[in-house]
Amino acid sequence: MTDSDCIIGEGTFGLVRKAMRAPSNRCVAVKTTKESTTTEAFKAILVELKIVMYVGYHPNIVEFFGAITTNIRNRKLWIQFHGSLIECASEMSV
């Protein structure tokens, strides 16, 4: 479940929101595409997704949990991460 008011980052391709992963209530980051995402930008996001899926665990990469691609034809994508990104964002907001 994402907190739509808790945007912890924004880039060319999309927004990153803080969320709680059920049932563990673990804090995660959910990267979503923007409405204005171009086809080229969306392809770049898909390349990023393929890379994190292929690499798996690595100590220098934010941990990847999964992605929701059910509405991929409309360039909608949710990618879920956990790691130092969340910890840093939490510390910055204090």
Protein backbone atom coordinates (compact mmCIF):
# COMPACT_ATOMS: atom_id res chain seq x y z
CA MET A 1 0.00 0.00 0.00
CA THR A 2 1.52 3.33 -1.02
CA ASP A 3 1.15 6.63 0.73
CA SER A 4 0.32 8.91 -2.19
CA ASP A 5 1.40 11.97 -0.18
CA CYS A 6 4.79 10.50 0.70
CA ILE A 7 6.84 11.13 -2.44
CA ILE A 8 10.50 10.54 -1.56
CA GLY A 9 11.92 11.07 -5.03
CA GLU A 10 11.16 12.14 -8.57
CA GLY A 11 13.00 11.71 -11.82
CA THR A 12 12.56 11.91 -15.55
CA PHE A 13 10.75 8.58 -15.71
CA GLY A 14 8.57 8.64 -12.64
CA LEU A 15 7.93 9.09 -8.94
CA VAL A 16 9.21 7.14 -5.96
CA ARG A 17 6.84 6.78 -3.02
CA LYS A 18 7.29 5.33 0.43
CA ALA A 19 5.03 2.34 1.13
CA MET A 20 4.50 -0.50 3.59
CA ARG A 21 4.86 -4.06 2.26
CA ALA A 22 2.12 -6.36 3.55
CA PRO A 23 2.06 -8.61 5.55
CA SER A 24 5.48 -7.80 7.03
CA ASN A 25 4.89 -4.03 7.26
CA ARG A 26 8.39 -3.57 5.86
CA CYS A 27 9.10 -0.09 4.54
CA VAL A 28 9.72 -0.10 0.77
CA ALA A 29 10.08 2.31 -2.13
CA VAL A 30 7.64 2.02 -5.03
CA LYS A 31 8.76 3.51 -8.33
CA THR A 32 5.85 4.40 -10.61
CA THR A 33 5.71 5.86 -14.09
CA LYS A 34 4.38 9.35 -14.74
CA GLU A 35 1.38 10.02 -16.96
CA SER A 36 3.70 11.91 -19.32
CA THR A 37 6.22 9.07 -19.72
CA THR A 38 7.31 8.84 -23.35
CA THR A 39 7.75 5.54 -25.17
CA GLU A 40 11.53 5.96 -25.13
CA ALA A 41 11.57 6.68 -21.39
CA PHE A 42 9.31 3.70 -20.73
CA LYS A 43 11.66 1.44 -22.68
CA ALA A 44 14.53 2.71 -20.49
CA ILE A 45 12.53 1.81 -17.36
CA LEU A 46 11.96 -1.69 -18.75
CA VAL A 47 15.70 -2.06 -19.36
CA GLU A 48 16.33 -1.02 -15.72
CA LEU A 49 13.76 -3.60 -14.59
CA LYS A 50 15.40 -6.35 -16.65
CA ILE A 51 18.80 -5.49 -15.18
CA VAL A 52 17.68 -5.60 -11.54
CA MET A 53 15.83 -8.85 -12.19
CA TYR A 54 18.90 -10.40 -13.83
CA VAL A 55 21.43 -9.21 -11.25
CA GLY A 56 19.41 -10.30 -8.23
CA TYR A 57 21.02 -9.53 -4.89
CA HIS A 58 24.11 -7.32 -4.92
CA PRO A 59 25.41 -5.30 -1.95
CA ASN A 60 25.70 -2.12 -4.07
CA ILE A 61 22.21 -2.25 -5.57
CA VAL A 62 18.93 -1.44 -3.82
CA GLU A 63 17.06 -4.70 -3.17
CA PHE A 64 14.38 -5.47 -5.79
CA PHE A 65 11.15 -7.10 -4.60
CA GLY A 66 8.98 -7.21 -7.71
CA ALA A 67 6.98 -5.32 -10.30
CA ILE A 68 3.34 -4.94 -11.27
CA THR A 69 3.00 -4.96 -15.04
CA THR A 70 -0.73 -5.66 -15.53
CA ASN A 71 -1.29 -2.31 -17.26
CA ILE A 72 1.99 -2.24 -19.21
CA ARG A 73 0.23 -1.49 -22.53
CA ASN A 74 -0.71 1.91 -21.10
CA ARG A 75 2.88 2.48 -19.92
CA LYS A 76 1.91 1.94 -16.28
CA LEU A 77 4.45 0.14 -14.11
CA TRP A 78 5.13 -0.24 -10.39
CA ILE A 79 8.58 -1.44 -9.26
CA GLN A 80 9.13 -2.23 -5.58
CA PHE A 81 12.51 -1.81 -3.87
CA HIS A 82 13.93 -1.87 -0.36
CA GLY A 83 17.25 -0.66 0.91
CA SER A 84 19.30 2.35 1.83
CA LEU A 85 17.14 4.62 -0.34
CA ILE A 86 14.30 4.36 2.20
CA GLU A 87 16.61 4.71 5.18
CA CYS A 88 18.22 7.84 3.72
CA ALA A 89 14.85 9.38 2.86
CA SER A 90 13.58 8.72 6.38
CA GLU A 91 16.63 10.35 7.92
CA MET A 92 16.31 13.40 5.66
CA SER A 93 12.66 13.96 6.60
CA VAL A 94 13.39 14.09 10.36
